[in-house]
Amino acid sequence: MTYKIIDLIEPDNGCEGFLLGEEPMVTLILSSDSGAERKVQLPDMLAYRLKWDVGVTVSDEDIEKNCKTV
């Protein structure tokens, strides 16, 4: 099955920033052709390297390899 990224949520840690060694994560909101929605999370830099942004289609295999379900 494939999903389209319909939204992404990036944490805003304000002026505190992230703790030393903490990896910023992004939550992707996905939608399938059948209308099923799914939320997954992955490191922000990995999403950037994979060029995963709103409008991009991703496969179940790519999701299983790179993400964790929220």
Protein backbone atom coordinates (compact mmCIF):
# COMPACT_ATOMS: atom_id res chain seq x y z
CA MET A 1 0.00 0.00 0.00
CA THR A 2 1.14 3.57 -0.55
CA TYR A 3 0.41 6.67 1.48
CA LYS A 4 0.58 10.36 0.69
CA ILE A 5 2.09 12.69 3.28
CA ILE A 6 -0.69 15.18 4.03
CA ASP A 7 0.91 16.98 6.98
CA LEU A 8 4.03 17.00 9.08
CA ILE A 9 4.47 18.14 12.64
CA GLU A 10 7.85 19.33 13.85
CA PRO A 11 8.46 19.97 17.54
CA ASP A 12 9.06 23.53 18.67
CA ASN A 13 11.25 23.42 21.74
CA GLY A 14 11.31 27.20 21.97
CA CYS A 15 14.28 28.92 23.51
CA GLU A 16 15.15 25.80 25.54
CA GLY A 17 16.14 23.93 22.37
CA PHE A 18 16.90 20.24 22.47
CA LEU A 19 18.86 18.39 25.13
CA LEU A 20 22.42 17.40 24.33
CA GLY A 21 22.22 14.24 22.24
CA GLU A 22 18.46 14.51 21.72
CA GLU A 23 17.44 13.86 18.12
CA PRO A 24 14.60 16.05 16.79
CA MET A 25 11.76 13.91 15.47
CA VAL A 26 9.04 14.74 12.94
CA THR A 27 5.54 13.24 12.89
CA LEU A 28 4.06 12.53 9.47
CA ILE A 29 0.32 12.34 8.88
CA LEU A 30 -0.32 9.89 6.04
CA SER A 31 -3.41 9.15 3.97
CA SER A 32 -4.04 6.18 1.65
CA ASP A 33 -6.18 6.13 -1.48
CA SER A 34 -8.86 4.32 0.54
CA GLY A 35 -8.94 7.21 3.02
CA ALA A 36 -7.16 5.41 5.85
CA GLU A 37 -4.97 7.74 7.90
CA ARG A 38 -1.81 6.84 9.75
CA LYS A 39 0.71 8.70 11.94
CA VAL A 40 4.37 7.77 11.96
CA GLN A 41 7.49 9.32 13.45
CA LEU A 42 11.09 9.46 12.27
CA PRO A 43 14.19 11.58 12.86
CA ASP A 44 13.84 15.01 11.25
CA MET A 45 17.19 14.74 9.43
CA LEU A 46 16.23 11.37 7.97
CA ALA A 47 12.96 12.80 6.59
CA TYR A 48 15.00 15.64 5.08
CA ARG A 49 17.50 13.23 3.47
CA LEU A 50 14.67 11.09 2.08
CA LYS A 51 12.97 14.26 0.77
CA TRP A 52 9.76 13.30 2.56
CA ASP A 53 7.54 16.38 2.63
CA VAL A 54 3.84 17.20 2.18
CA GLY A 55 2.57 15.73 -1.09
CA VAL A 56 5.18 12.96 -1.36
CA THR A 57 3.98 9.35 -1.69
CA VAL A 58 5.67 6.67 0.43
CA SER A 59 5.30 2.88 0.45
CA ASP A 60 4.61 0.51 3.33
CA GLU A 61 8.12 -0.87 2.87
CA ASP A 62 9.72 2.58 3.21
CA ILE A 63 7.58 3.33 6.27
CA GLU A 64 8.49 0.03 7.95
CA LYS A 65 12.19 0.58 7.24
CA ASN A 66 12.43 4.20 8.44
CA CYS A 67 9.58 4.98 10.86
CA LYS A 68 7.86 4.02 14.06
CA THR A 69 4.08 4.18 14.42
CA VAL A 70 2.76 6.86 16.77
